[in-house]
Amino acid sequence: MSKTEENLMTAFLGESQTRTKYSYYAQIARKEGYHYIAKIFEETAENEKYHAIEEFKLLYDEKDTAANLKEAIEGENYETEEMYPKFAREAEVEGNKEACILFNQIGKIERNHRDRFKKLLELIESGSVYEREEPIRWKCSICGYTYEGREAPTRCPYCKHPKQYFEPANLDV
């Protein structure tokens, strides 16, 4: 890895962490009644996100959604099967019950993320993102219009957005 690549990775990680930190600071400011300051933290967090994205793009080739889902599944699987169980065991050995509970809970959430990504990948691979064997309720993500059928409408009859803006109304992928 070149020095520039190392710097890009360091910058990407730093911008990503800073974004999360500023999002959290915004929650605190809002809770304390400082809505204007919260807004500034949120705006800056959004700026940091775009800095991180540009750095990431210089490090990695752009892939299609199926490849991105495969990578996400791999990462979420590592977190749920290895990383968080290990962290929970180590916290338990050290007597940090709160961290142990947190790591176990997050590990379960990561499993849900992995499973959801797997379902989405299956839909892409089977060509059934917008078409199902059985009728389901579809919801336009722009205006909220709902429709029941095997296939999402070609266009929303209300806001006129194409079917790519429809999603399963039950949120179960």
N, C-alpha and C. Protein backbone atom coordinates (compact mmCIF):
# COMPACT_ATOMS: atom_id res chain seq x y z
N MET A 1 0.85 -1.18 0.00
CA MET A 1 0.00 0.00 0.00
C MET A 1 0.89 1.24 0.00
N SER A 2 0.62 2.17 -0.88
CA SER A 2 1.42 3.38 -0.97
C SER A 2 1.10 4.31 0.21
N LYS A 3 1.97 5.29 0.40
CA LYS A 3 1.75 6.26 1.48
C LYS A 3 0.44 7.02 1.25
N THR A 4 0.16 7.36 -0.01
CA THR A 4 -1.09 8.06 -0.33
C THR A 4 -2.30 7.20 0.02
N GLU A 5 -2.21 5.90 -0.30
CA GLU A 5 -3.32 5.00 0.05
C GLU A 5 -3.49 4.89 1.56
N GLU A 6 -2.38 4.83 2.29
CA GLU A 6 -2.45 4.81 3.76
C GLU A 6 -3.11 6.09 4.27
N ASN A 7 -2.72 7.23 3.68
CA ASN A 7 -3.30 8.51 4.09
C ASN A 7 -4.79 8.57 3.77
N LEU A 8 -5.17 8.05 2.60
CA LEU A 8 -6.59 8.02 2.24
C LEU A 8 -7.38 7.16 3.23
N MET A 9 -6.82 6.01 3.61
CA MET A 9 -7.50 5.14 4.56
C MET A 9 -7.61 5.80 5.93
N THR A 10 -6.53 6.42 6.38
CA THR A 10 -6.56 7.13 7.67
C THR A 10 -7.59 8.25 7.64
N ALA A 11 -7.61 9.00 6.54
CA ALA A 11 -8.57 10.09 6.40
C ALA A 11 -10.00 9.56 6.37
N PHE A 12 -10.22 8.49 5.61
CA PHE A 12 -11.55 7.88 5.52
C PHE A 12 -12.04 7.44 6.90
N LEU A 13 -11.19 6.74 7.64
CA LEU A 13 -11.58 6.27 8.98
C LEU A 13 -11.84 7.45 9.91
N GLY A 14 -10.99 8.47 9.84
CA GLY A 14 -11.18 9.64 10.70
C GLY A 14 -12.45 10.40 10.38
N GLU A 15 -12.72 10.63 9.10
CA GLU A 15 -13.95 11.33 8.70
C GLU A 15 -15.18 10.52 9.10
N SER A 16 -15.11 9.20 8.95
CA SER A 16 -16.25 8.34 9.30
C SER A 16 -16.53 8.39 10.80
N GLN A 17 -15.48 8.33 11.59
CA GLN A 17 -15.65 8.40 13.05
C GLN A 17 -16.15 9.78 13.48
N THR A 18 -15.61 10.81 12.86
CA THR A 18 -16.03 12.17 13.20
C THR A 18 -17.49 12.39 12.87
N ARG A 19 -17.94 11.85 11.76
CA ARG A 19 -19.36 11.97 11.39
C ARG A 19 -20.25 11.38 12.48
N THR A 20 -19.91 10.19 12.94
CA THR A 20 -20.70 9.54 13.98
C THR A 20 -20.66 10.35 15.28
N LYS A 21 -19.48 10.83 15.62
CA LYS A 21 -19.32 11.62 16.83
C LYS A 21 -20.16 12.89 16.76
N TYR A 22 -20.13 13.59 15.63
CA TYR A 22 -20.91 14.83 15.49
C TYR A 22 -22.41 14.55 15.49
N SER A 23 -22.82 13.42 14.93
CA SER A 23 -24.25 13.05 14.98
C SER A 23 -24.68 12.86 16.43
N TYR A 24 -23.83 12.24 17.21
CA TYR A 24 -24.12 12.05 18.64
C TYR A 24 -24.13 13.39 19.37
N TYR A 25 -23.16 14.24 19.07
CA TYR A 25 -23.13 15.57 19.70
C TYR A 25 -24.39 16.36 19.38
N ALA A 26 -24.92 16.20 18.18
CA ALA A 26 -26.17 16.88 17.79
C ALA A 26 -27.32 16.41 18.67
N GLN A 27 -27.37 15.11 18.96
CA GLN A 27 -28.43 14.58 19.85
C GLN A 27 -28.35 15.23 21.23
N ILE A 28 -27.14 15.35 21.74
CA ILE A 28 -26.95 15.96 23.06
C ILE A 28 -27.36 17.42 23.03
N ALA A 29 -26.91 18.16 22.02
CA ALA A 29 -27.26 19.58 21.91
C ALA A 29 -28.77 19.76 21.82
N ARG A 30 -29.43 18.92 21.03
CA ARG A 30 -30.89 19.02 20.88
C ARG A 30 -31.57 18.71 22.22
N LYS A 31 -31.09 17.70 22.93
CA LYS A 31 -31.66 17.33 24.22
C LYS A 31 -31.52 18.49 25.23
N GLU A 32 -30.44 19.23 25.11
CA GLU A 32 -30.20 20.37 26.00
C GLU A 32 -30.91 21.64 25.53
N GLY A 33 -31.61 21.56 24.40
CA GLY A 33 -32.36 22.71 23.90
C GLY A 33 -31.59 23.59 22.94
N TYR A 34 -30.43 23.17 22.50
CA TYR A 34 -29.62 23.95 21.57
C TYR A 34 -29.85 23.46 20.14
N HIS A 35 -31.04 23.71 19.62
CA HIS A 35 -31.40 23.20 18.30
C HIS A 35 -30.53 23.78 17.19
N TYR A 36 -30.16 25.04 17.30
CA TYR A 36 -29.31 25.66 16.30
C TYR A 36 -27.94 24.98 16.27
N ILE A 37 -27.39 24.73 17.45
CA ILE A 37 -26.08 24.06 17.53
C ILE A 37 -26.20 22.63 17.02
N ALA A 38 -27.29 21.96 17.35
CA ALA A 38 -27.52 20.60 16.85
C ALA A 38 -27.52 20.59 15.33
N LYS A 39 -28.18 21.58 14.75
CA LYS A 39 -28.25 21.67 13.29
C LYS A 39 -26.85 21.84 12.69
N ILE A 40 -26.00 22.62 13.32
CA ILE A 40 -24.63 22.82 12.84
C ILE A 40 -23.84 21.51 12.94
N PHE A 41 -24.00 20.78 14.06
CA PHE A 41 -23.34 19.48 14.18
C PHE A 41 -23.81 18.53 13.07
N GLU A 42 -25.12 18.51 12.82
CA GLU A 42 -25.67 17.62 11.78
C GLU A 42 -25.17 18.00 10.39
N GLU A 43 -25.14 19.29 10.12
CA GLU A 43 -24.65 19.76 8.82
C GLU A 43 -23.18 19.37 8.64
N THR A 44 -22.40 19.56 9.69
CA THR A 44 -20.98 19.22 9.61
C THR A 44 -20.79 17.72 9.49
N ALA A 45 -21.61 16.94 10.18
CA ALA A 45 -21.55 15.48 10.06
C ALA A 45 -21.81 15.06 8.62
N GLU A 46 -22.77 15.71 7.99
CA GLU A 46 -23.09 15.41 6.59
C GLU A 46 -21.89 15.76 5.69
N ASN A 47 -21.22 16.88 5.98
CA ASN A 47 -20.01 17.24 5.22
C ASN A 47 -18.94 16.17 5.38
N GLU A 48 -18.75 15.71 6.62
CA GLU A 48 -17.74 14.68 6.89
C GLU A 48 -18.06 13.39 6.13
N LYS A 49 -19.35 13.07 6.02
CA LYS A 49 -19.75 11.87 5.27
C LYS A 49 -19.27 11.98 3.82
N TYR A 50 -19.47 13.13 3.20
CA TYR A 50 -19.06 13.29 1.81
C TYR A 50 -17.55 13.29 1.65
N HIS A 51 -16.83 13.82 2.64
CA HIS A 51 -15.37 13.74 2.59
C HIS A 51 -14.96 12.26 2.60
N ALA A 52 -15.56 11.48 3.50
CA ALA A 52 -15.23 10.05 3.61
C ALA A 52 -15.57 9.31 2.32
N ILE A 53 -16.70 9.62 1.72
CA ILE A 53 -17.09 8.95 0.47
C ILE A 53 -16.07 9.21 -0.62
N GLU A 54 -15.62 10.45 -0.76
CA GLU A 54 -14.64 10.78 -1.81
C GLU A 54 -13.32 10.05 -1.56
N GLU A 55 -12.91 9.96 -0.31
CA GLU A 55 -11.68 9.23 0.02
C GLU A 55 -11.85 7.73 -0.28
N PHE A 56 -13.00 7.19 0.09
CA PHE A 56 -13.30 5.78 -0.16
C PHE A 56 -13.26 5.47 -1.66
N LYS A 57 -13.84 6.37 -2.45
CA LYS A 57 -13.89 6.17 -3.90
C LYS A 57 -12.49 6.12 -4.53
N LEU A 58 -11.55 6.85 -3.96
CA LEU A 58 -10.18 6.80 -4.48
C LEU A 58 -9.47 5.51 -4.07
N LEU A 59 -9.94 4.88 -3.01
CA LEU A 59 -9.33 3.64 -2.54
C LEU A 59 -9.88 2.38 -3.20
N TYR A 60 -11.16 2.39 -3.52
CA TYR A 60 -11.82 1.17 -3.98
C TYR A 60 -12.56 1.40 -5.29
N ASP A 61 -12.52 0.39 -6.14
CA ASP A 61 -13.26 0.45 -7.39
C ASP A 61 -14.76 0.38 -7.11
N GLU A 62 -15.53 1.09 -7.92
CA GLU A 62 -16.99 1.04 -7.78
C GLU A 62 -17.49 -0.32 -8.24
N LYS A 63 -18.39 -0.89 -7.44
CA LYS A 63 -18.97 -2.20 -7.75
C LYS A 63 -20.47 -2.04 -7.91
N ASP A 64 -21.11 -3.08 -8.44
CA ASP A 64 -22.56 -3.03 -8.55
C ASP A 64 -23.20 -3.40 -7.20
N THR A 65 -24.50 -3.22 -7.11
CA THR A 65 -25.21 -3.44 -5.85
C THR A 65 -25.09 -4.86 -5.36
N ALA A 66 -25.14 -5.84 -6.26
CA ALA A 66 -25.00 -7.24 -5.83
C ALA A 66 -23.64 -7.47 -5.18
N ALA A 67 -22.58 -6.94 -5.77
CA ALA A 67 -21.24 -7.09 -5.19
C ALA A 67 -21.15 -6.36 -3.86
N ASN A 68 -21.76 -5.18 -3.77
CA ASN A 68 -21.76 -4.44 -2.51
C ASN A 68 -22.51 -5.20 -1.43
N LEU A 69 -23.63 -5.84 -1.80
CA LEU A 69 -24.37 -6.65 -0.83
C LEU A 69 -23.54 -7.84 -0.36
N LYS A 70 -22.83 -8.49 -1.27
CA LYS A 70 -21.97 -9.62 -0.88
C LYS A 70 -20.91 -9.17 0.11
N GLU A 71 -20.31 -8.03 -0.15
CA GLU A 71 -19.30 -7.50 0.77
C GLU A 71 -19.93 -7.14 2.12
N ALA A 72 -21.11 -6.55 2.08
CA ALA A 72 -21.81 -6.19 3.32
C ALA A 72 -22.17 -7.45 4.12
N ILE A 73 -22.61 -8.49 3.44
CA ILE A 73 -22.95 -9.76 4.11
C ILE A 73 -21.71 -10.31 4.81
N GLU A 74 -20.59 -10.28 4.11
CA GLU A 74 -19.34 -10.78 4.68
C GLU A 74 -18.96 -9.99 5.94
N GLY A 75 -19.06 -8.67 5.86
CA GLY A 75 -18.71 -7.83 7.01
C GLY A 75 -19.66 -8.04 8.18
N GLU A 76 -20.95 -8.09 7.90
CA GLU A 76 -21.94 -8.29 8.97
C GLU A 76 -21.80 -9.68 9.57
N ASN A 77 -21.46 -10.66 8.75
CA ASN A 77 -21.27 -12.02 9.25
C ASN A 77 -20.07 -12.07 10.20
N TYR A 78 -18.97 -11.42 9.82
CA TYR A 78 -17.80 -11.35 10.69
C TYR A 78 -18.17 -10.71 12.03
N GLU A 79 -18.91 -9.62 11.97
CA GLU A 79 -19.28 -8.93 13.21
C GLU A 79 -20.15 -9.79 14.11
N THR A 80 -21.12 -10.50 13.51
CA THR A 80 -22.05 -11.29 14.33
C THR A 80 -21.46 -12.62 14.79
N GLU A 81 -20.61 -13.23 13.97
CA GLU A 81 -20.08 -14.56 14.30
C GLU A 81 -18.75 -14.52 15.05
N GLU A 82 -17.96 -13.48 14.82
CA GLU A 82 -16.63 -13.45 15.43
C GLU A 82 -16.38 -12.24 16.32
N MET A 83 -16.49 -11.04 15.73
CA MET A 83 -16.06 -9.84 16.43
C MET A 83 -16.83 -9.59 17.73
N TYR A 84 -18.16 -9.45 17.63
CA TYR A 84 -18.92 -9.12 18.84
C TYR A 84 -18.95 -10.24 19.87
N PRO A 85 -19.02 -11.53 19.47
CA PRO A 85 -18.91 -12.57 20.50
C PRO A 85 -17.57 -12.51 21.24
N LYS A 86 -16.49 -12.27 20.50
CA LYS A 86 -15.16 -12.15 21.12
C LYS A 86 -15.13 -10.96 22.08
N PHE A 87 -15.64 -9.81 21.62
CA PHE A 87 -15.65 -8.63 22.47
C PHE A 87 -16.48 -8.88 23.73
N ALA A 88 -17.61 -9.56 23.59
CA ALA A 88 -18.48 -9.85 24.74
C ALA A 88 -17.76 -10.75 25.74
N ARG A 89 -17.08 -11.79 25.24
CA ARG A 89 -16.33 -12.69 26.13
C ARG A 89 -15.24 -11.92 26.88
N GLU A 90 -14.52 -11.08 26.16
CA GLU A 90 -13.44 -10.31 26.79
C GLU A 90 -13.99 -9.35 27.84
N ALA A 91 -15.11 -8.70 27.54
CA ALA A 91 -15.73 -7.79 28.51
C ALA A 91 -16.19 -8.56 29.75
N GLU A 92 -16.73 -9.76 29.53
CA GLU A 92 -17.19 -10.59 30.65
C GLU A 92 -16.02 -10.99 31.55
N VAL A 93 -14.90 -11.40 30.93
CA VAL A 93 -13.71 -11.78 31.68
C VAL A 93 -13.20 -10.60 32.51
N GLU A 94 -13.29 -9.40 31.95
CA GLU A 94 -12.84 -8.20 32.66
C GLU A 94 -13.86 -7.69 33.66
N GLY A 95 -15.04 -8.33 33.70
CA GLY A 95 -16.07 -7.91 34.65
C GLY A 95 -16.87 -6.70 34.22
N ASN A 96 -16.80 -6.35 32.94
CA ASN A 96 -17.56 -5.21 32.45
C ASN A 96 -18.88 -5.72 31.88
N LYS A 97 -19.84 -5.90 32.77
CA LYS A 97 -21.13 -6.48 32.41
C LYS A 97 -21.87 -5.61 31.39
N GLU A 98 -21.81 -4.30 31.56
CA GLU A 98 -22.51 -3.38 30.66
C GLU A 98 -22.00 -3.52 29.22
N ALA A 99 -20.68 -3.56 29.06
CA ALA A 99 -20.10 -3.72 27.72
C ALA A 99 -20.43 -5.11 27.16
N CYS A 100 -20.41 -6.12 28.01
CA CYS A 100 -20.74 -7.49 27.58
C CYS A 100 -22.16 -7.53 27.02
N ILE A 101 -23.10 -6.95 27.74
CA ILE A 101 -24.50 -6.91 27.30
C ILE A 101 -24.61 -6.14 25.98
N LEU A 102 -23.95 -4.99 25.91
CA LEU A 102 -23.98 -4.17 24.69
C LEU A 102 -23.45 -4.96 23.49
N PHE A 103 -22.29 -5.59 23.64
CA PHE A 103 -21.70 -6.34 22.53
C PHE A 103 -22.62 -7.48 22.09
N ASN A 104 -23.23 -8.18 23.04
CA ASN A 104 -24.15 -9.26 22.69
C ASN A 104 -25.37 -8.73 21.94
N GLN A 105 -25.91 -7.60 22.40
CA GLN A 105 -27.08 -7.02 21.74
C GLN A 105 -26.73 -6.55 20.32
N ILE A 106 -25.61 -5.89 20.17
CA ILE A 106 -25.21 -5.41 18.85
C ILE A 106 -24.95 -6.59 17.92
N GLY A 107 -24.35 -7.66 18.44
CA GLY A 107 -24.12 -8.85 17.63
C GLY A 107 -25.41 -9.40 17.04
N LYS A 108 -26.48 -9.37 17.83
CA LYS A 108 -27.78 -9.84 17.34
C LYS A 108 -28.32 -8.91 16.25
N ILE A 109 -28.13 -7.62 16.42
CA ILE A 109 -28.57 -6.65 15.42
C ILE A 109 -27.78 -6.86 14.12
N GLU A 110 -26.48 -7.09 14.25
CA GLU A 110 -25.65 -7.33 13.06
C GLU A 110 -26.13 -8.58 12.32
N ARG A 111 -26.59 -9.59 13.04
CA ARG A 111 -27.14 -10.80 12.40
C ARG A 111 -28.36 -10.42 11.57
N ASN A 112 -29.22 -9.55 12.12
CA ASN A 112 -30.39 -9.08 11.36
C ASN A 112 -29.97 -8.33 10.11
N HIS A 113 -28.94 -7.50 10.23
CA HIS A 113 -28.43 -6.78 9.06
C HIS A 113 -27.97 -7.77 8.00
N ARG A 114 -27.18 -8.75 8.43
CA ARG A 114 -26.67 -9.76 7.49
C ARG A 114 -27.82 -10.48 6.78
N ASP A 115 -28.80 -10.92 7.56
CA ASP A 115 -29.91 -11.67 6.99
C ASP A 115 -30.73 -10.82 6.02
N ARG A 116 -30.91 -9.56 6.35
CA ARG A 116 -31.64 -8.65 5.47
C ARG A 116 -30.89 -8.45 4.15
N PHE A 117 -29.58 -8.25 4.26
CA PHE A 117 -28.77 -8.12 3.05
C PHE A 117 -28.82 -9.39 2.21
N LYS A 118 -28.82 -10.56 2.87
CA LYS A 118 -28.92 -11.83 2.13
C LYS A 118 -30.23 -11.89 1.34
N LYS A 119 -31.32 -11.48 1.98
CA LYS A 119 -32.62 -11.49 1.29
C LYS A 119 -32.60 -10.55 0.09
N LEU A 120 -32.01 -9.38 0.27
CA LEU A 120 -31.93 -8.42 -0.84
C LEU A 120 -31.09 -8.98 -1.98
N LEU A 121 -29.98 -9.63 -1.66
CA LEU A 121 -29.14 -10.22 -2.69
C LEU A 121 -29.91 -11.31 -3.44
N GLU A 122 -30.66 -12.12 -2.71
CA GLU A 122 -31.48 -13.16 -3.36
C GLU A 122 -32.49 -12.54 -4.32
N LEU A 123 -33.09 -11.42 -3.91
CA LEU A 123 -34.06 -10.74 -4.78
C LEU A 123 -33.39 -10.24 -6.06
N ILE A 124 -32.21 -9.67 -5.94
CA ILE A 124 -31.49 -9.20 -7.12
C ILE A 124 -31.13 -10.38 -8.02
N GLU A 125 -30.56 -11.42 -7.42
CA GLU A 125 -30.11 -12.56 -8.22
C GLU A 125 -31.26 -13.30 -8.90
N SER A 126 -32.44 -13.26 -8.29
CA SER A 126 -33.60 -13.94 -8.89
C SER A 126 -34.42 -13.00 -9.78
N GLY A 127 -34.00 -11.74 -9.86
CA GLY A 127 -34.73 -10.77 -10.67
C GLY A 127 -36.09 -10.42 -10.12
N SER A 128 -36.24 -10.52 -8.80
CA SER A 128 -37.57 -10.30 -8.21
C SER A 128 -37.61 -9.15 -7.21
N VAL A 129 -36.76 -8.14 -7.42
CA VAL A 129 -36.80 -6.97 -6.53
C VAL A 129 -38.16 -6.29 -6.61
N TYR A 130 -38.69 -6.16 -7.82
CA TYR A 130 -39.97 -5.47 -8.01
C TYR A 130 -41.07 -6.40 -8.50
N GLU A 131 -40.83 -7.70 -8.40
CA GLU A 131 -41.84 -8.67 -8.83
C GLU A 131 -41.76 -9.90 -7.93
N ARG A 132 -42.90 -10.34 -7.41
CA ARG A 132 -42.95 -11.48 -6.50
C ARG A 132 -43.88 -12.56 -7.02
N GLU A 133 -43.71 -13.76 -6.49
CA GLU A 133 -44.58 -14.88 -6.89
C GLU A 133 -45.99 -14.70 -6.35
N GLU A 134 -46.09 -14.19 -5.14
CA GLU A 134 -47.39 -13.96 -4.50
C GLU A 134 -47.61 -12.45 -4.38
N PRO A 135 -48.86 -12.01 -4.40
CA PRO A 135 -49.13 -10.57 -4.24
C PRO A 135 -48.66 -10.07 -2.87
N ILE A 136 -48.11 -8.87 -2.86
CA ILE A 136 -47.74 -8.19 -1.62
C ILE A 136 -48.21 -6.74 -1.72
N ARG A 137 -48.13 -6.02 -0.60
CA ARG A 137 -48.43 -4.59 -0.62
C ARG A 137 -47.14 -3.84 -0.94
N TRP A 138 -47.20 -2.99 -1.96
CA TRP A 138 -46.09 -2.14 -2.36
C TRP A 138 -46.39 -0.72 -1.91
N LYS A 139 -45.37 0.00 -1.46
CA LYS A 139 -45.55 1.38 -1.02
C LYS A 139 -44.59 2.28 -1.78
N CYS A 140 -45.11 3.39 -2.29
CA CYS A 140 -44.26 4.40 -2.93
C CYS A 140 -43.49 5.11 -1.81
N SER A 141 -42.17 5.11 -1.92
CA SER A 141 -41.35 5.71 -0.87
C SER A 141 -41.36 7.24 -0.92
N ILE A 142 -41.96 7.81 -1.96
CA ILE A 142 -42.04 9.26 -2.07
C ILE A 142 -43.33 9.80 -1.46
N CYS A 143 -44.47 9.28 -1.91
CA CYS A 143 -45.75 9.85 -1.47
C CYS A 143 -46.55 8.94 -0.54
N GLY A 144 -46.14 7.67 -0.40
CA GLY A 144 -46.84 6.76 0.51
C GLY A 144 -47.97 5.97 -0.11
N TYR A 145 -48.25 6.17 -1.40
CA TYR A 145 -49.30 5.40 -2.08
C TYR A 145 -49.02 3.92 -1.92
N THR A 146 -50.06 3.12 -1.63
CA THR A 146 -49.89 1.67 -1.53
C THR A 146 -50.70 0.96 -2.59
N TYR A 147 -50.19 -0.19 -2.98
CA TYR A 147 -50.79 -0.98 -4.05
C TYR A 147 -50.55 -2.45 -3.72
N GLU A 148 -51.53 -3.30 -3.97
CA GLU A 148 -51.33 -4.73 -3.75
C GLU A 148 -51.27 -5.44 -5.09
N GLY A 149 -50.23 -6.25 -5.27
CA GLY A 149 -50.07 -6.99 -6.50
C GLY A 149 -48.77 -7.77 -6.51
N ARG A 150 -48.57 -8.57 -7.52
CA ARG A 150 -47.34 -9.35 -7.65
C ARG A 150 -46.15 -8.46 -8.05
N GLU A 151 -46.46 -7.37 -8.71
CA GLU A 151 -45.41 -6.51 -9.25
C GLU A 151 -45.68 -5.06 -8.85
N ALA A 152 -44.62 -4.32 -8.56
CA ALA A 152 -44.78 -2.90 -8.27
C ALA A 152 -45.32 -2.19 -9.50
N PRO A 153 -46.15 -1.17 -9.32
CA PRO A 153 -46.66 -0.43 -10.48
C PRO A 153 -45.50 0.17 -11.28
N THR A 154 -45.69 0.29 -12.58
CA THR A 154 -44.66 0.87 -13.44
C THR A 154 -44.37 2.31 -13.04
N ARG A 155 -45.42 3.01 -12.64
CA ARG A 155 -45.30 4.41 -12.23
C ARG A 155 -46.34 4.66 -11.14
N CYS A 156 -45.99 5.47 -10.15
CA CYS A 156 -46.95 5.80 -9.10
C CYS A 156 -48.06 6.67 -9.71
N PRO A 157 -49.32 6.31 -9.49
CA PRO A 157 -50.40 7.09 -10.08
C PRO A 157 -50.55 8.48 -9.46
N TYR A 158 -49.96 8.70 -8.28
CA TYR A 158 -50.10 10.00 -7.61
C TYR A 158 -48.91 10.92 -7.86
N CYS A 159 -47.72 10.47 -7.52
CA CYS A 159 -46.56 11.36 -7.65
C CYS A 159 -45.76 11.12 -8.93
N LYS A 160 -46.14 10.10 -9.68
CA LYS A 160 -45.56 9.80 -11.00
C LYS A 160 -44.12 9.28 -10.98
N HIS A 161 -43.60 8.93 -9.82
CA HIS A 161 -42.26 8.36 -9.77
C HIS A 161 -42.29 6.93 -10.31
N PRO A 162 -41.18 6.48 -10.94
CA PRO A 162 -41.14 5.13 -11.51
C PRO A 162 -41.11 4.04 -10.43
N LYS A 163 -41.28 2.80 -10.86
CA LYS A 163 -41.41 1.69 -9.92
C LYS A 163 -40.19 1.50 -9.03
N GLN A 164 -39.05 2.02 -9.43
CA GLN A 164 -37.85 1.90 -8.60
C GLN A 164 -38.01 2.59 -7.24
N TYR A 165 -39.06 3.41 -7.10
CA TYR A 165 -39.32 4.08 -5.82
C TYR A 165 -40.30 3.30 -4.96
N PHE A 166 -40.72 2.12 -5.41
CA PHE A 166 -41.62 1.29 -4.62
C PHE A 166 -40.81 0.29 -3.80
N GLU A 167 -41.34 -0.02 -2.63
CA GLU A 167 -40.73 -1.00 -1.73
C GLU A 167 -41.84 -1.81 -1.09
N PRO A 168 -41.51 -2.99 -0.57
CA PRO A 168 -42.54 -3.75 0.15
C PRO A 168 -43.07 -2.93 1.32
N ALA A 169 -44.38 -2.84 1.44
CA ALA A 169 -44.99 -2.00 2.48
C ALA A 169 -44.77 -2.56 3.87
N ASN A 170 -44.55 -3.87 3.98
CA ASN A 170 -44.37 -4.46 5.31
C ASN A 170 -42.93 -4.37 5.81
N LEU A 171 -42.06 -3.74 5.07
CA LEU A 171 -40.66 -3.53 5.41
C LEU A 171 -39.87 -4.81 5.58
N ASP A 172 -40.42 -5.93 5.15
CA ASP A 172 -39.72 -7.21 5.26
C ASP A 172 -39.04 -7.54 3.94
N VAL A 173 -38.25 -6.60 3.45
CA VAL A 173 -37.52 -6.74 2.21
C VAL A 173 -38.47 -7.22 1.15
